[in-house]
């Protein structure tokens, strides 16, 4: 995991700039966002349940979510939700990520 803000910004720019056309609408390319989410999770989730790495990953997910624009952030969160499948370490990890992202969000929920 990294604290390099330049690298995080570069990742976010790539996610925001990758677009695909679906039903005539241009939307963020979900395959790129899914790949980033899954890559971070596979780097963190191991059989040992390494807690300090999880704290770094949570911070990384928060930084990415705070940097993305609204449309890409929605796809990013949707990608995390899509990983909630079976009861295993990845599901637990993503559940914790979602809870922390919503609990510590800097973005107000619009009604």
N, C-alpha and C. Protein backbone atom coordinates (compact mmCIF):
# COMPACT_ATOMS: atom_id res chain seq x y z
N UNK A 1 0.85 -1.17 0.00
CA UNK A 1 0.00 0.00 0.00
C UNK A 1 0.89 1.24 0.00
N UNK A 2 0.32 2.32 -0.47
CA UNK A 2 1.12 3.51 -0.64
C UNK A 2 0.45 4.74 -0.03
N UNK A 3 1.26 5.66 0.40
CA UNK A 3 0.78 6.96 0.84
C UNK A 3 1.12 8.02 -0.20
N UNK A 4 1.61 7.59 -1.36
CA UNK A 4 2.02 8.49 -2.41
C UNK A 4 0.79 9.11 -3.07
N UNK A 5 0.52 10.37 -2.73
CA UNK A 5 -0.68 11.05 -3.24
C UNK A 5 -0.63 11.22 -4.75
N UNK A 6 0.56 11.37 -5.32
CA UNK A 6 0.69 11.51 -6.77
C UNK A 6 0.23 10.23 -7.46
N UNK A 7 0.62 9.08 -6.93
CA UNK A 7 0.20 7.80 -7.50
C UNK A 7 -1.31 7.61 -7.35
N UNK A 8 -1.85 7.96 -6.20
CA UNK A 8 -3.30 7.85 -5.99
C UNK A 8 -4.05 8.75 -6.95
N UNK A 9 -3.58 9.98 -7.14
CA UNK A 9 -4.21 10.89 -8.10
C UNK A 9 -4.14 10.33 -9.51
N UNK A 10 -3.03 9.73 -9.88
CA UNK A 10 -2.87 9.14 -11.21
C UNK A 10 -3.86 7.98 -11.42
N UNK A 11 -4.02 7.15 -10.41
CA UNK A 11 -4.98 6.04 -10.48
C UNK A 11 -6.39 6.60 -10.66
N UNK A 12 -6.73 7.63 -9.90
CA UNK A 12 -8.06 8.22 -10.00
C UNK A 12 -8.30 8.87 -11.36
N UNK A 13 -7.29 9.53 -11.88
CA UNK A 13 -7.42 10.15 -13.21
C UNK A 13 -7.66 9.08 -14.26
N UNK A 14 -6.93 7.98 -14.17
CA UNK A 14 -7.14 6.87 -15.12
C UNK A 14 -8.54 6.31 -15.02
N UNK A 15 -9.04 6.13 -13.78
CA UNK A 15 -10.39 5.59 -13.61
C UNK A 15 -11.44 6.56 -14.15
N UNK A 16 -11.24 7.86 -13.95
CA UNK A 16 -12.20 8.84 -14.42
C UNK A 16 -12.15 9.03 -15.93
N UNK A 17 -10.98 8.83 -16.53
CA UNK A 17 -10.84 9.06 -17.97
C UNK A 17 -11.25 7.87 -18.82
N UNK A 18 -11.27 6.67 -18.27
CA UNK A 18 -11.68 5.48 -19.02
C UNK A 18 -13.20 5.45 -19.10
N UNK A 19 -13.72 5.63 -20.29
CA UNK A 19 -15.17 5.70 -20.49
C UNK A 19 -15.61 4.62 -21.46
N UNK A 20 -16.87 4.23 -21.35
CA UNK A 20 -17.49 3.31 -22.30
C UNK A 20 -18.90 3.81 -22.59
N UNK A 21 -19.41 3.43 -23.75
CA UNK A 21 -20.74 3.86 -24.14
C UNK A 21 -21.71 2.70 -23.93
N UNK A 22 -22.72 2.94 -23.08
CA UNK A 22 -23.74 1.94 -22.78
C UNK A 22 -25.10 2.57 -23.02
N UNK A 23 -25.86 1.99 -23.93
CA UNK A 23 -27.20 2.49 -24.28
C UNK A 23 -27.17 3.98 -24.64
N UNK A 24 -26.15 4.39 -25.34
CA UNK A 24 -26.04 5.78 -25.77
C UNK A 24 -25.50 6.73 -24.72
N UNK A 25 -25.25 6.25 -23.52
CA UNK A 25 -24.70 7.09 -22.44
C UNK A 25 -23.23 6.76 -22.24
N UNK A 26 -22.43 7.79 -22.03
CA UNK A 26 -21.01 7.60 -21.74
C UNK A 26 -20.85 7.53 -20.22
N UNK A 27 -20.33 6.40 -19.76
CA UNK A 27 -20.18 6.15 -18.32
C UNK A 27 -18.76 5.68 -18.04
N UNK A 28 -18.32 5.76 -16.78
CA UNK A 28 -16.99 5.23 -16.44
C UNK A 28 -16.91 3.74 -16.77
N UNK A 29 -15.76 3.31 -17.22
CA UNK A 29 -15.57 1.92 -17.61
C UNK A 29 -15.43 1.06 -16.36
N UNK A 30 -16.45 0.24 -16.12
CA UNK A 30 -16.51 -0.53 -14.89
C UNK A 30 -15.41 -1.58 -14.80
N UNK A 31 -14.94 -2.10 -15.93
CA UNK A 31 -13.90 -3.13 -15.86
C UNK A 31 -12.60 -2.57 -15.29
N UNK A 32 -12.28 -1.33 -15.58
CA UNK A 32 -11.07 -0.70 -15.03
C UNK A 32 -11.23 -0.49 -13.53
N UNK A 33 -12.39 0.00 -13.12
CA UNK A 33 -12.65 0.25 -11.70
C UNK A 33 -12.67 -1.06 -10.93
N UNK A 34 -13.32 -2.08 -11.49
CA UNK A 34 -13.35 -3.39 -10.85
C UNK A 34 -11.94 -3.95 -10.68
N UNK A 35 -11.10 -3.75 -11.69
CA UNK A 35 -9.73 -4.26 -11.62
C UNK A 35 -8.94 -3.59 -10.50
N UNK A 36 -9.11 -2.28 -10.33
CA UNK A 36 -8.41 -1.56 -9.27
C UNK A 36 -8.87 -2.05 -7.90
N UNK A 37 -10.18 -2.17 -7.72
CA UNK A 37 -10.73 -2.63 -6.43
C UNK A 37 -10.24 -4.04 -6.11
N UNK A 38 -10.32 -4.92 -7.08
CA UNK A 38 -9.91 -6.30 -6.84
C UNK A 38 -8.40 -6.42 -6.62
N UNK A 39 -7.62 -5.61 -7.32
CA UNK A 39 -6.16 -5.65 -7.13
C UNK A 39 -5.78 -5.23 -5.71
N UNK A 40 -6.39 -4.16 -5.24
CA UNK A 40 -6.10 -3.71 -3.87
C UNK A 40 -6.47 -4.80 -2.87
N UNK A 41 -7.63 -5.41 -3.07
CA UNK A 41 -8.09 -6.45 -2.14
C UNK A 41 -7.19 -7.66 -2.16
N UNK A 42 -6.75 -8.09 -3.33
CA UNK A 42 -5.89 -9.27 -3.38
C UNK A 42 -4.51 -8.99 -2.80
N UNK A 43 -4.08 -7.75 -2.87
CA UNK A 43 -2.80 -7.39 -2.24
C UNK A 43 -2.91 -7.39 -0.72
N UNK A 44 -4.08 -7.12 -0.21
CA UNK A 44 -4.28 -6.97 1.23
C UNK A 44 -4.74 -8.25 1.89
N UNK A 45 -5.76 -8.87 1.30
CA UNK A 45 -6.37 -10.05 1.93
C UNK A 45 -5.48 -11.27 1.71
N UNK A 46 -4.98 -11.76 2.79
CA UNK A 46 -4.21 -13.00 2.74
C UNK A 46 -4.75 -13.92 3.83
N UNK A 47 -4.22 -15.09 3.90
CA UNK A 47 -4.71 -16.07 4.87
C UNK A 47 -4.35 -15.71 6.31
N UNK A 48 -3.42 -14.79 6.48
CA UNK A 48 -2.97 -14.44 7.82
C UNK A 48 -3.85 -13.38 8.49
N UNK A 49 -4.69 -12.67 7.72
CA UNK A 49 -5.52 -11.62 8.29
C UNK A 49 -4.69 -10.50 8.88
N UNK A 50 -3.76 -10.00 8.14
CA UNK A 50 -2.81 -9.00 8.58
C UNK A 50 -3.51 -7.66 8.84
N UNK A 51 -3.77 -7.30 10.09
CA UNK A 51 -4.54 -6.12 10.45
C UNK A 51 -3.89 -4.79 10.06
N UNK A 52 -2.58 -4.57 10.24
CA UNK A 52 -2.00 -3.28 9.85
C UNK A 52 -2.17 -3.00 8.36
N UNK A 53 -2.09 -4.04 7.52
CA UNK A 53 -2.29 -3.85 6.09
C UNK A 53 -3.73 -3.43 5.81
N UNK A 54 -4.69 -3.98 6.56
CA UNK A 54 -6.08 -3.61 6.37
C UNK A 54 -6.29 -2.14 6.68
N UNK A 55 -5.64 -1.61 7.69
CA UNK A 55 -5.75 -0.19 8.02
C UNK A 55 -5.21 0.67 6.88
N UNK A 56 -4.10 0.25 6.29
CA UNK A 56 -3.55 0.98 5.16
C UNK A 56 -4.47 0.90 3.95
N UNK A 57 -5.08 -0.25 3.74
CA UNK A 57 -6.00 -0.42 2.60
C UNK A 57 -7.25 0.44 2.79
N UNK A 58 -7.76 0.49 4.01
CA UNK A 58 -8.94 1.32 4.28
C UNK A 58 -8.61 2.78 3.97
N UNK A 59 -7.46 3.22 4.39
CA UNK A 59 -7.04 4.60 4.11
C UNK A 59 -6.89 4.83 2.61
N UNK A 60 -6.35 3.85 1.90
CA UNK A 60 -6.20 3.97 0.44
C UNK A 60 -7.57 4.06 -0.23
N UNK A 61 -8.52 3.22 0.16
CA UNK A 61 -9.87 3.28 -0.40
C UNK A 61 -10.51 4.64 -0.10
N UNK A 62 -10.31 5.17 1.11
CA UNK A 62 -10.86 6.48 1.46
C UNK A 62 -10.26 7.57 0.60
N UNK A 63 -8.95 7.54 0.39
CA UNK A 63 -8.30 8.56 -0.43
C UNK A 63 -8.79 8.49 -1.86
N UNK A 64 -8.95 7.29 -2.40
CA UNK A 64 -9.44 7.15 -3.77
C UNK A 64 -10.87 7.66 -3.86
N UNK A 65 -11.73 7.28 -2.92
CA UNK A 65 -13.13 7.72 -2.94
C UNK A 65 -13.23 9.24 -2.83
N UNK A 66 -12.38 9.85 -2.04
CA UNK A 66 -12.41 11.31 -1.89
C UNK A 66 -11.91 12.03 -3.13
N UNK A 67 -11.04 11.39 -3.91
CA UNK A 67 -10.45 12.03 -5.08
C UNK A 67 -11.33 11.92 -6.32
N UNK A 68 -12.12 10.87 -6.41
CA UNK A 68 -12.94 10.62 -7.60
C UNK A 68 -14.08 11.62 -7.71
N UNK A 69 -14.54 11.84 -8.96
CA UNK A 69 -15.73 12.65 -9.16
C UNK A 69 -16.96 11.82 -8.80
N UNK A 70 -18.12 12.45 -8.76
CA UNK A 70 -19.33 11.78 -8.25
C UNK A 70 -19.69 10.53 -9.06
N UNK A 71 -19.67 10.63 -10.37
CA UNK A 71 -20.07 9.51 -11.22
C UNK A 71 -19.13 8.32 -11.06
N UNK A 72 -17.84 8.58 -11.05
CA UNK A 72 -16.86 7.51 -10.91
C UNK A 72 -16.87 6.96 -9.50
N UNK A 73 -17.11 7.81 -8.49
CA UNK A 73 -17.19 7.34 -7.10
C UNK A 73 -18.35 6.35 -6.95
N UNK A 74 -19.48 6.64 -7.61
CA UNK A 74 -20.62 5.73 -7.56
C UNK A 74 -20.25 4.37 -8.14
N UNK A 75 -19.56 4.37 -9.27
CA UNK A 75 -19.11 3.10 -9.87
C UNK A 75 -18.09 2.40 -8.98
N UNK A 76 -17.24 3.17 -8.33
CA UNK A 76 -16.24 2.62 -7.41
C UNK A 76 -16.92 1.92 -6.24
N UNK A 77 -17.90 2.58 -5.64
CA UNK A 77 -18.63 1.98 -4.52
C UNK A 77 -19.44 0.77 -4.99
N UNK A 78 -20.01 0.85 -6.18
CA UNK A 78 -20.74 -0.28 -6.73
C UNK A 78 -19.82 -1.48 -6.94
N UNK A 79 -18.61 -1.22 -7.35
CA UNK A 79 -17.63 -2.29 -7.54
C UNK A 79 -17.30 -2.97 -6.21
N UNK A 80 -17.21 -2.19 -5.16
CA UNK A 80 -16.96 -2.76 -3.83
C UNK A 80 -18.15 -3.60 -3.39
N UNK A 81 -19.36 -3.08 -3.60
CA UNK A 81 -20.57 -3.83 -3.22
C UNK A 81 -20.65 -5.14 -4.00
N UNK A 82 -20.25 -5.14 -5.27
CA UNK A 82 -20.29 -6.35 -6.08
C UNK A 82 -19.37 -7.45 -5.55
N UNK A 83 -18.42 -7.09 -4.71
CA UNK A 83 -17.52 -8.09 -4.13
C UNK A 83 -18.10 -8.76 -2.89
N UNK A 84 -19.27 -8.31 -2.43
CA UNK A 84 -19.93 -8.91 -1.27
C UNK A 84 -20.71 -10.13 -1.75
N UNK A 85 -20.05 -11.28 -1.78
CA UNK A 85 -20.69 -12.46 -2.36
C UNK A 85 -20.83 -13.59 -1.37
N UNK A 86 -19.74 -14.19 -1.00
CA UNK A 86 -19.76 -15.38 -0.17
C UNK A 86 -19.08 -15.07 1.16
N UNK A 87 -19.44 -15.77 2.21
CA UNK A 87 -18.80 -15.52 3.51
C UNK A 87 -17.35 -16.01 3.50
N UNK A 88 -16.44 -15.08 3.27
CA UNK A 88 -15.01 -15.37 3.29
C UNK A 88 -14.26 -14.11 3.71
N UNK A 89 -12.94 -14.16 3.67
CA UNK A 89 -12.16 -13.01 4.13
C UNK A 89 -12.33 -11.79 3.22
N UNK A 90 -12.53 -11.99 1.93
CA UNK A 90 -12.73 -10.85 1.03
C UNK A 90 -14.05 -10.14 1.33
N UNK A 91 -15.10 -10.91 1.56
CA UNK A 91 -16.40 -10.32 1.88
C UNK A 91 -16.31 -9.52 3.17
N UNK A 92 -15.66 -10.07 4.18
CA UNK A 92 -15.48 -9.36 5.44
C UNK A 92 -14.69 -8.07 5.22
N UNK A 93 -13.62 -8.16 4.43
CA UNK A 93 -12.79 -7.00 4.13
C UNK A 93 -13.61 -5.90 3.45
N UNK A 94 -14.38 -6.26 2.44
CA UNK A 94 -15.16 -5.26 1.71
C UNK A 94 -16.30 -4.71 2.56
N UNK A 95 -16.85 -5.50 3.45
CA UNK A 95 -17.88 -5.02 4.37
C UNK A 95 -17.29 -3.94 5.28
N UNK A 96 -16.12 -4.20 5.81
CA UNK A 96 -15.44 -3.21 6.66
C UNK A 96 -15.12 -1.95 5.86
N UNK A 97 -14.65 -2.12 4.63
CA UNK A 97 -14.33 -0.97 3.77
C UNK A 97 -15.57 -0.10 3.57
N UNK A 98 -16.69 -0.71 3.21
CA UNK A 98 -17.91 0.06 2.98
C UNK A 98 -18.38 0.78 4.23
N UNK A 99 -18.36 0.09 5.35
CA UNK A 99 -18.79 0.73 6.60
C UNK A 99 -17.91 1.92 6.94
N UNK A 100 -16.61 1.77 6.79
CA UNK A 100 -15.69 2.88 7.09
C UNK A 100 -15.83 4.03 6.10
N UNK A 101 -16.04 3.70 4.81
CA UNK A 101 -16.19 4.75 3.80
C UNK A 101 -17.42 5.61 4.09
N UNK A 102 -18.53 4.98 4.45
CA UNK A 102 -19.74 5.75 4.73
C UNK A 102 -19.67 6.45 6.08
N UNK A 103 -19.03 5.85 7.05
CA UNK A 103 -18.92 6.46 8.37
C UNK A 103 -18.01 7.69 8.36
N UNK A 104 -16.96 7.65 7.53
CA UNK A 104 -15.96 8.70 7.54
C UNK A 104 -15.99 9.53 6.26
N UNK A 105 -17.11 9.55 5.56
CA UNK A 105 -17.22 10.24 4.28
C UNK A 105 -17.14 11.75 4.46
N UNK A 106 -16.45 12.40 3.53
CA UNK A 106 -16.38 13.86 3.51
C UNK A 106 -17.50 14.44 2.64
N UNK A 107 -18.18 13.60 1.91
CA UNK A 107 -19.19 14.04 0.96
C UNK A 107 -20.58 13.89 1.59
N UNK A 108 -21.33 14.96 1.56
CA UNK A 108 -22.67 14.96 2.13
C UNK A 108 -23.61 14.16 1.22
N UNK A 109 -24.54 13.49 1.82
CA UNK A 109 -25.55 12.77 1.06
C UNK A 109 -26.63 13.76 0.66
N UNK A 110 -26.87 13.85 -0.64
CA UNK A 110 -27.86 14.78 -1.14
C UNK A 110 -29.23 14.12 -1.16
N UNK A 111 -30.23 14.88 -0.72
CA UNK A 111 -31.59 14.34 -0.67
C UNK A 111 -32.30 14.61 -1.97
